[in-house]
Amino acid sequence: MKSVVELEINAARDRVAALFSDPRNMDKWMDDMEYEPLSGAQGEPGSTYHLGQRDGMWFTATVLAKELPKELRLRLDVPKLEVAITDEFVALPSGRTKLISTEDFRWKGVLSRLMGVFARGGMKRAHRRHMESFKQYAEREASAPIAGTWSRSSSTRNAKRAER
């Protein structure tokens, strides 16, 4: 089964890709999942981590490829299921980013395939919910000032506050 979610994010591609590719950010936008590092430089090809539902299944995630800001590929494994994930980041002329997230589920064994048929709708809804949640997170983070930066408008506001 394949699930594809496409959405536009009001943030630059480089920023969106950087936020998305760092697994340490996952708990900031996937409120039903937990992240636990396992091996390697986290978020880099070959690194692994656990990603799991607080009351359910835990996957072992492996970063297969990281070609930022264009693409990120992962594989999630549990004994009876493998999920191949490709996330593409497309720069749009408006300074926005199109995120195309594809999850390809491969069940191992007849019973697992049967369970997959019944779980299909829920898995697609969860995929959509996670990507929508990431969109909100990325737009919020992209609009926040980066620590240590200075802008004329914030300096002017601060000076006016000091005068009062």
N, C-alpha and C. Protein backbone atom coordinates (compact mmCIF):
# COMPACT_ATOMS: atom_id res chain seq x y z
N MET A 1 0.84 -1.17 0.00
CA MET A 1 0.00 0.00 0.00
C MET A 1 0.88 1.23 0.00
N LYS A 2 0.46 2.24 -0.73
CA LYS A 2 1.22 3.48 -0.81
C LYS A 2 0.32 4.63 -0.37
N SER A 3 0.91 5.54 0.41
CA SER A 3 0.23 6.75 0.84
C SER A 3 1.08 7.93 0.41
N VAL A 4 0.46 8.89 -0.28
CA VAL A 4 1.17 10.09 -0.72
C VAL A 4 0.44 11.31 -0.18
N VAL A 5 1.19 12.18 0.47
CA VAL A 5 0.63 13.44 0.97
C VAL A 5 1.45 14.57 0.36
N GLU A 6 0.76 15.51 -0.28
CA GLU A 6 1.39 16.69 -0.86
C GLU A 6 0.78 17.91 -0.21
N LEU A 7 1.64 18.83 0.22
CA LEU A 7 1.13 20.08 0.76
C LEU A 7 2.15 21.18 0.59
N GLU A 8 1.66 22.41 0.59
CA GLU A 8 2.52 23.58 0.45
C GLU A 8 2.74 24.19 1.82
N ILE A 9 4.00 24.53 2.08
CA ILE A 9 4.39 25.10 3.36
C ILE A 9 4.90 26.51 3.11
N ASN A 10 4.43 27.44 3.91
CA ASN A 10 4.82 28.84 3.76
C ASN A 10 6.17 29.08 4.45
N ALA A 11 7.21 28.51 3.86
CA ALA A 11 8.58 28.65 4.35
C ALA A 11 9.53 28.22 3.24
N ALA A 12 10.76 28.71 3.30
CA ALA A 12 11.76 28.39 2.29
C ALA A 12 12.18 26.93 2.35
N ARG A 13 12.50 26.37 1.19
CA ARG A 13 12.85 24.95 1.08
C ARG A 13 14.00 24.56 2.00
N ASP A 14 15.08 25.34 2.05
CA ASP A 14 16.22 24.98 2.90
C ASP A 14 15.81 24.83 4.35
N ARG A 15 14.99 25.76 4.83
CA ARG A 15 14.55 25.72 6.24
C ARG A 15 13.63 24.53 6.48
N VAL A 16 12.69 24.29 5.58
CA VAL A 16 11.76 23.16 5.71
C VAL A 16 12.53 21.84 5.74
N ALA A 17 13.45 21.66 4.80
CA ALA A 17 14.23 20.43 4.72
C ALA A 17 15.07 20.22 5.97
N ALA A 18 15.69 21.28 6.48
CA ALA A 18 16.51 21.16 7.69
C ALA A 18 15.67 20.77 8.90
N LEU A 19 14.51 21.40 9.07
CA LEU A 19 13.63 21.06 10.19
C LEU A 19 13.13 19.62 10.10
N PHE A 20 12.76 19.22 8.89
CA PHE A 20 12.18 17.89 8.70
C PHE A 20 13.22 16.78 8.88
N SER A 21 14.43 17.02 8.44
CA SER A 21 15.44 15.95 8.41
C SER A 21 16.10 15.68 9.75
N ASP A 22 15.90 16.53 10.73
CA ASP A 22 16.50 16.32 12.05
C ASP A 22 15.54 15.52 12.93
N PRO A 23 15.84 14.25 13.20
CA PRO A 23 14.90 13.43 13.97
C PRO A 23 14.65 13.96 15.38
N ARG A 24 15.54 14.79 15.90
CA ARG A 24 15.33 15.36 17.23
C ARG A 24 14.15 16.33 17.26
N ASN A 25 13.69 16.76 16.09
CA ASN A 25 12.52 17.65 16.01
C ASN A 25 11.20 16.89 16.01
N MET A 26 11.24 15.59 15.82
CA MET A 26 10.00 14.83 15.62
C MET A 26 8.98 15.00 16.73
N ASP A 27 9.42 15.02 17.97
CA ASP A 27 8.45 15.15 19.06
C ASP A 27 7.84 16.54 19.13
N LYS A 28 8.36 17.49 18.35
CA LYS A 28 7.79 18.83 18.30
C LYS A 28 6.60 18.90 17.35
N TRP A 29 6.47 17.92 16.46
CA TRP A 29 5.35 17.94 15.52
C TRP A 29 4.60 16.61 15.43
N MET A 30 5.12 15.56 16.01
CA MET A 30 4.39 14.29 16.07
C MET A 30 4.10 13.99 17.54
N ASP A 31 2.99 14.55 18.03
CA ASP A 31 2.71 14.46 19.46
C ASP A 31 2.38 13.06 19.94
N ASP A 32 2.12 12.14 19.04
CA ASP A 32 1.80 10.77 19.44
C ASP A 32 2.99 9.83 19.30
N MET A 33 4.17 10.36 18.96
CA MET A 33 5.35 9.53 18.73
C MET A 33 6.50 9.96 19.63
N GLU A 34 7.40 9.02 19.88
CA GLU A 34 8.61 9.31 20.64
C GLU A 34 9.82 8.90 19.82
N TYR A 35 10.91 9.60 20.07
CA TYR A 35 12.16 9.39 19.35
C TYR A 35 13.24 8.98 20.35
N GLU A 36 14.03 7.97 19.97
CA GLU A 36 15.14 7.51 20.81
C GLU A 36 16.33 7.20 19.90
N PRO A 37 17.44 7.94 20.02
CA PRO A 37 18.59 7.68 19.14
C PRO A 37 19.20 6.31 19.42
N LEU A 38 19.73 5.67 18.37
CA LEU A 38 20.39 4.37 18.51
C LEU A 38 21.85 4.44 18.11
N SER A 39 22.12 4.75 16.83
CA SER A 39 23.51 4.73 16.37
C SER A 39 23.75 5.77 15.29
N GLY A 40 25.01 6.14 15.15
CA GLY A 40 25.41 7.06 14.10
C GLY A 40 25.12 8.51 14.43
N ALA A 41 25.56 9.39 13.55
CA ALA A 41 25.28 10.82 13.66
C ALA A 41 23.82 11.01 13.27
N GLN A 42 22.99 11.33 14.23
CA GLN A 42 21.55 11.36 14.02
C GLN A 42 21.14 12.24 12.84
N GLY A 43 20.30 11.66 11.99
CA GLY A 43 19.80 12.34 10.80
C GLY A 43 20.68 12.15 9.58
N GLU A 44 21.86 11.56 9.76
CA GLU A 44 22.78 11.34 8.65
C GLU A 44 22.60 9.93 8.08
N PRO A 45 22.93 9.72 6.81
CA PRO A 45 22.78 8.39 6.21
C PRO A 45 23.49 7.31 7.04
N GLY A 46 22.77 6.22 7.25
CA GLY A 46 23.29 5.11 8.03
C GLY A 46 22.92 5.17 9.50
N SER A 47 22.51 6.34 9.99
CA SER A 47 22.13 6.43 11.40
C SER A 47 20.80 5.73 11.64
N THR A 48 20.61 5.30 12.87
CA THR A 48 19.37 4.60 13.23
C THR A 48 18.80 5.20 14.51
N TYR A 49 17.49 5.06 14.65
CA TYR A 49 16.81 5.50 15.86
C TYR A 49 15.51 4.73 15.98
N HIS A 50 14.97 4.72 17.19
CA HIS A 50 13.64 4.15 17.41
C HIS A 50 12.62 5.27 17.29
N LEU A 51 11.52 4.95 16.66
CA LEU A 51 10.40 5.87 16.53
C LEU A 51 9.16 5.07 16.88
N GLY A 52 8.46 5.51 17.90
CA GLY A 52 7.33 4.68 18.32
C GLY A 52 6.17 5.45 18.89
N GLN A 53 5.06 4.76 18.89
CA GLN A 53 3.85 5.29 19.50
C GLN A 53 3.95 5.03 21.00
N ARG A 54 3.51 5.99 21.76
CA ARG A 54 3.64 5.88 23.22
C ARG A 54 3.01 4.60 23.76
N ASP A 55 1.91 4.18 23.17
CA ASP A 55 1.23 2.98 23.66
C ASP A 55 1.16 1.88 22.61
N GLY A 56 2.09 1.88 21.67
CA GLY A 56 1.95 0.91 20.59
C GLY A 56 3.27 0.47 19.98
N MET A 57 3.27 0.40 18.67
CA MET A 57 4.36 -0.16 17.89
C MET A 57 5.58 0.77 17.86
N TRP A 58 6.77 0.17 17.94
CA TRP A 58 8.03 0.90 17.84
C TRP A 58 8.77 0.44 16.60
N PHE A 59 9.16 1.38 15.76
CA PHE A 59 9.91 1.09 14.55
C PHE A 59 11.39 1.36 14.79
N THR A 60 12.22 0.64 14.06
CA THR A 60 13.63 1.00 13.95
C THR A 60 13.76 1.74 12.64
N ALA A 61 14.16 3.01 12.73
CA ALA A 61 14.29 3.86 11.54
C ALA A 61 15.75 3.92 11.12
N THR A 62 15.98 3.82 9.82
CA THR A 62 17.31 3.95 9.24
C THR A 62 17.27 5.04 8.19
N VAL A 63 18.19 6.00 8.29
CA VAL A 63 18.29 7.04 7.28
C VAL A 63 19.05 6.45 6.09
N LEU A 64 18.38 6.34 4.95
CA LEU A 64 18.99 5.75 3.75
C LEU A 64 19.73 6.78 2.91
N ALA A 65 19.14 7.95 2.75
CA ALA A 65 19.76 8.99 1.93
C ALA A 65 19.29 10.35 2.42
N LYS A 66 20.21 11.29 2.38
CA LYS A 66 19.90 12.67 2.79
C LYS A 66 20.54 13.58 1.77
N GLU A 67 19.74 14.01 0.81
CA GLU A 67 20.22 14.89 -0.26
C GLU A 67 19.48 16.22 -0.15
N LEU A 68 19.81 16.94 0.93
CA LEU A 68 19.11 18.19 1.21
C LEU A 68 19.65 19.32 0.34
N PRO A 69 18.81 20.22 -0.06
CA PRO A 69 17.44 20.38 0.40
C PRO A 69 16.41 19.67 -0.45
N LYS A 70 16.83 18.73 -1.27
CA LYS A 70 15.93 18.09 -2.23
C LYS A 70 15.15 16.91 -1.67
N GLU A 71 15.82 15.98 -0.98
CA GLU A 71 15.16 14.71 -0.66
C GLU A 71 15.74 14.06 0.60
N LEU A 72 14.88 13.30 1.28
CA LEU A 72 15.26 12.48 2.42
C LEU A 72 14.58 11.14 2.26
N ARG A 73 15.36 10.05 2.45
CA ARG A 73 14.76 8.71 2.36
C ARG A 73 15.07 7.93 3.64
N LEU A 74 14.04 7.27 4.16
CA LEU A 74 14.13 6.48 5.38
C LEU A 74 13.53 5.10 5.16
N ARG A 75 13.86 4.19 6.07
CA ARG A 75 13.18 2.90 6.12
C ARG A 75 12.82 2.65 7.58
N LEU A 76 11.56 2.29 7.81
CA LEU A 76 11.08 1.92 9.14
C LEU A 76 10.84 0.42 9.14
N ASP A 77 11.32 -0.26 10.19
CA ASP A 77 11.18 -1.71 10.28
C ASP A 77 10.57 -2.14 11.60
N VAL A 78 9.67 -3.10 11.52
CA VAL A 78 9.19 -3.91 12.64
C VAL A 78 9.14 -5.33 12.09
N PRO A 79 9.00 -6.33 12.94
CA PRO A 79 9.09 -7.71 12.43
C PRO A 79 8.18 -8.04 11.24
N LYS A 80 6.97 -7.52 11.19
CA LYS A 80 6.04 -7.91 10.13
C LYS A 80 5.75 -6.81 9.11
N LEU A 81 6.50 -5.70 9.19
CA LEU A 81 6.21 -4.57 8.32
C LEU A 81 7.48 -3.77 8.05
N GLU A 82 7.61 -3.32 6.81
CA GLU A 82 8.67 -2.39 6.41
C GLU A 82 8.00 -1.23 5.69
N VAL A 83 8.42 -0.01 6.04
CA VAL A 83 7.87 1.18 5.40
C VAL A 83 9.02 1.95 4.76
N ALA A 84 8.96 2.11 3.44
CA ALA A 84 9.94 2.92 2.72
C ALA A 84 9.36 4.33 2.60
N ILE A 85 10.11 5.32 3.05
CA ILE A 85 9.62 6.70 3.08
C ILE A 85 10.53 7.58 2.22
N THR A 86 9.91 8.34 1.34
CA THR A 86 10.64 9.34 0.56
C THR A 86 9.94 10.67 0.76
N ASP A 87 10.70 11.65 1.21
CA ASP A 87 10.18 12.99 1.39
C ASP A 87 10.93 13.91 0.45
N GLU A 88 10.19 14.58 -0.43
CA GLU A 88 10.77 15.49 -1.41
C GLU A 88 10.38 16.92 -1.06
N PHE A 89 11.33 17.83 -1.25
CA PHE A 89 11.12 19.23 -0.96
C PHE A 89 11.32 20.01 -2.26
N VAL A 90 10.26 20.64 -2.74
CA VAL A 90 10.30 21.36 -4.02
C VAL A 90 10.14 22.85 -3.74
N ALA A 91 11.13 23.63 -4.19
CA ALA A 91 11.06 25.08 -4.02
C ALA A 91 10.04 25.64 -5.02
N LEU A 92 9.14 26.45 -4.51
CA LEU A 92 8.13 27.10 -5.35
C LEU A 92 8.54 28.55 -5.58
N PRO A 93 8.13 29.14 -6.70
CA PRO A 93 8.54 30.51 -7.01
C PRO A 93 8.16 31.52 -5.94
N SER A 94 7.15 31.26 -5.18
CA SER A 94 6.66 32.20 -4.17
C SER A 94 7.49 32.18 -2.89
N GLY A 95 8.55 31.37 -2.83
CA GLY A 95 9.33 31.24 -1.60
C GLY A 95 8.76 30.19 -0.68
N ARG A 96 7.71 29.53 -1.13
CA ARG A 96 7.09 28.45 -0.36
C ARG A 96 7.75 27.14 -0.76
N THR A 97 7.38 26.08 -0.07
CA THR A 97 7.92 24.76 -0.35
C THR A 97 6.79 23.76 -0.52
N LYS A 98 6.91 22.92 -1.52
CA LYS A 98 5.97 21.82 -1.67
C LYS A 98 6.64 20.59 -1.08
N LEU A 99 5.98 19.98 -0.09
CA LEU A 99 6.45 18.74 0.52
C LEU A 99 5.65 17.60 -0.08
N ILE A 100 6.35 16.63 -0.64
CA ILE A 100 5.71 15.43 -1.17
C ILE A 100 6.24 14.26 -0.35
N SER A 101 5.38 13.71 0.49
CA SER A 101 5.78 12.62 1.38
C SER A 101 5.11 11.33 0.91
N THR A 102 5.94 10.33 0.61
CA THR A 102 5.44 9.04 0.14
C THR A 102 5.84 7.96 1.12
N GLU A 103 4.86 7.20 1.57
CA GLU A 103 5.10 6.06 2.45
C GLU A 103 4.62 4.82 1.72
N ASP A 104 5.52 3.85 1.54
CA ASP A 104 5.21 2.60 0.85
C ASP A 104 5.30 1.47 1.87
N PHE A 105 4.16 0.90 2.23
CA PHE A 105 4.07 -0.14 3.25
C PHE A 105 4.21 -1.51 2.62
N ARG A 106 5.10 -2.33 3.19
CA ARG A 106 5.29 -3.70 2.71
C ARG A 106 5.16 -4.66 3.89
N TRP A 107 4.04 -5.41 3.88
CA TRP A 107 3.80 -6.36 4.95
C TRP A 107 4.49 -7.68 4.66
N LYS A 108 4.96 -8.32 5.72
CA LYS A 108 5.66 -9.60 5.59
C LYS A 108 4.75 -10.70 6.14
N GLY A 109 4.33 -11.59 5.26
CA GLY A 109 3.46 -12.68 5.68
C GLY A 109 2.01 -12.43 5.33
N VAL A 110 1.26 -13.50 5.16
CA VAL A 110 -0.15 -13.43 4.75
C VAL A 110 -1.01 -12.75 5.80
N LEU A 111 -0.85 -13.12 7.05
CA LEU A 111 -1.67 -12.53 8.11
C LEU A 111 -1.40 -11.03 8.24
N SER A 112 -0.15 -10.63 8.12
CA SER A 112 0.19 -9.21 8.18
C SER A 112 -0.42 -8.45 7.02
N ARG A 113 -0.42 -9.04 5.84
CA ARG A 113 -1.03 -8.38 4.68
C ARG A 113 -2.53 -8.18 4.89
N LEU A 114 -3.17 -9.18 5.48
CA LEU A 114 -4.60 -9.08 5.76
C LEU A 114 -4.86 -7.96 6.77
N MET A 115 -4.04 -7.89 7.81
CA MET A 115 -4.20 -6.81 8.79
C MET A 115 -3.98 -5.45 8.12
N GLY A 116 -3.05 -5.41 7.18
CA GLY A 116 -2.77 -4.17 6.45
C GLY A 116 -3.96 -3.66 5.66
N VAL A 117 -4.73 -4.59 5.11
CA VAL A 117 -5.93 -4.20 4.36
C VAL A 117 -6.90 -3.47 5.27
N PHE A 118 -7.07 -3.98 6.48
CA PHE A 118 -8.01 -3.36 7.42
C PHE A 118 -7.47 -2.06 8.02
N ALA A 119 -6.15 -1.93 8.11
CA ALA A 119 -5.54 -0.75 8.72
C ALA A 119 -5.26 0.37 7.71
N ARG A 120 -5.49 0.13 6.45
CA ARG A 120 -5.14 1.06 5.38
C ARG A 120 -5.65 2.48 5.63
N GLY A 121 -6.91 2.62 5.92
CA GLY A 121 -7.50 3.96 6.12
C GLY A 121 -6.86 4.69 7.29
N GLY A 122 -6.67 3.99 8.39
CA GLY A 122 -6.07 4.60 9.57
C GLY A 122 -4.63 5.03 9.32
N MET A 123 -3.90 4.23 8.55
CA MET A 123 -2.50 4.56 8.26
C MET A 123 -2.42 5.80 7.36
N LYS A 124 -3.30 5.89 6.40
CA LYS A 124 -3.31 7.07 5.52
C LYS A 124 -3.72 8.32 6.29
N ARG A 125 -4.69 8.18 7.19
CA ARG A 125 -5.10 9.34 8.00
C ARG A 125 -3.96 9.79 8.92
N ALA A 126 -3.24 8.84 9.51
CA ALA A 126 -2.11 9.19 10.39
C ALA A 126 -1.01 9.89 9.59
N HIS A 127 -0.74 9.41 8.38
CA HIS A 127 0.27 10.04 7.53
C HIS A 127 -0.13 11.49 7.25
N ARG A 128 -1.36 11.71 6.84
CA ARG A 128 -1.86 13.06 6.55
C ARG A 128 -1.78 13.94 7.80
N ARG A 129 -2.21 13.40 8.94
CA ARG A 129 -2.21 14.17 10.20
C ARG A 129 -0.77 14.59 10.57
N HIS A 130 0.19 13.67 10.43
CA HIS A 130 1.57 14.00 10.76
C HIS A 130 2.13 15.07 9.83
N MET A 131 1.84 14.98 8.55
CA MET A 131 2.37 15.98 7.61
C MET A 131 1.72 17.35 7.83
N GLU A 132 0.43 17.38 8.13
CA GLU A 132 -0.24 18.64 8.44
C GLU A 132 0.35 19.25 9.72
N SER A 133 0.64 18.41 10.68
CA SER A 133 1.24 18.88 11.93
C SER A 133 2.65 19.43 11.66
N PHE A 134 3.41 18.76 10.78
CA PHE A 134 4.73 19.27 10.43
C PHE A 134 4.61 20.63 9.75
N LYS A 135 3.64 20.78 8.87
CA LYS A 135 3.43 22.05 8.18
C LYS A 135 3.24 23.18 9.19
N GLN A 136 2.40 22.97 10.17
CA GLN A 136 2.16 23.98 11.20
C GLN A 136 3.45 24.29 11.97
N TYR A 137 4.18 23.24 12.33
CA TYR A 137 5.45 23.41 13.05
C TYR A 137 6.46 24.19 12.20
N ALA A 138 6.62 23.81 10.94
CA ALA A 138 7.61 24.46 10.07
C ALA A 138 7.26 25.93 9.85
N GLU A 139 5.99 26.23 9.64
CA GLU A 139 5.59 27.62 9.42
C GLU A 139 5.80 28.45 10.68
N ARG A 140 5.53 27.87 11.83
CA ARG A 140 5.76 28.56 13.10
C ARG A 140 7.26 28.80 13.32
N GLU A 141 8.08 27.79 13.07
CA GLU A 141 9.53 27.91 13.26
C GLU A 141 10.16 28.86 12.24
N ALA A 142 9.66 28.84 11.02
CA ALA A 142 10.23 29.70 9.97
C ALA A 142 9.95 31.17 10.25
N SER A 143 8.84 31.46 10.93
CA SER A 143 8.52 32.85 11.21
C SER A 143 9.19 33.34 12.49
N ALA A 144 9.72 32.43 13.31
CA ALA A 144 10.41 32.83 14.54
C ALA A 144 11.81 33.33 14.20
N PRO A 145 12.27 34.35 14.90
CA PRO A 145 13.63 34.83 14.63
C PRO A 145 14.65 33.77 15.05
N ILE A 146 15.73 33.69 14.32
CA ILE A 146 16.80 32.75 14.64
C ILE A 146 17.64 33.38 15.74
N ALA A 147 17.96 32.62 16.77
CA ALA A 147 18.72 33.13 17.91
C ALA A 147 20.00 33.80 17.44
N GLY A 148 20.28 34.96 18.04
CA GLY A 148 21.52 35.65 17.73
C GLY A 148 21.45 36.56 16.51
N THR A 149 20.27 36.65 15.88
CA THR A 149 20.16 37.53 14.71
C THR A 149 19.64 38.88 15.15
N TRP A 150 19.92 39.87 14.38
CA TRP A 150 19.51 41.23 14.66
C TRP A 150 18.75 41.76 13.48
N SER A 151 17.63 42.39 13.75
CA SER A 151 16.92 43.04 12.65
C SER A 151 16.62 44.47 13.04
N ARG A 152 16.53 45.32 12.05
CA ARG A 152 16.29 46.73 12.31
C ARG A 152 14.94 46.93 12.99
N SER A 153 13.92 46.17 12.57
CA SER A 153 12.60 46.36 13.14
C SER A 153 12.57 45.99 14.62
N SER A 154 13.23 44.90 15.00
CA SER A 154 13.23 44.52 16.41
C SER A 154 14.06 45.50 17.22
N SER A 155 15.13 46.02 16.65
CA SER A 155 15.96 47.01 17.34
C SER A 155 15.16 48.29 17.57
N THR A 156 14.40 48.70 16.55
CA THR A 156 13.59 49.91 16.66
C THR A 156 12.50 49.72 17.72
N ARG A 157 11.84 48.56 17.72
CA ARG A 157 10.82 48.29 18.74
C ARG A 157 11.43 48.33 20.13
N ASN A 158 12.58 47.71 20.29
CA ASN A 158 13.22 47.69 21.61
C ASN A 158 13.62 49.08 22.07
N ALA A 159 14.10 49.93 21.16
CA ALA A 159 14.46 51.31 21.51
C ALA A 159 13.24 52.10 21.93
N LYS A 160 12.11 51.92 21.22
CA LYS A 160 10.88 52.62 21.58
C LYS A 160 10.37 52.18 22.94
N ARG A 161 10.48 50.89 23.23
CA ARG A 161 10.07 50.38 24.55
C ARG A 161 10.94 51.02 25.66
N ALA A 162 12.24 51.15 25.40
CA ALA A 162 13.15 51.70 26.39
C ALA A 162 12.82 53.17 26.66
N GLU A 163 12.32 53.90 25.64
CA GLU A 163 11.97 55.30 25.81
C GLU A 163 10.76 55.48 26.73
N ARG A 164 9.88 54.49 26.76
CA ARG A 164 8.64 54.60 27.55
C ARG A 164 8.88 54.51 29.01
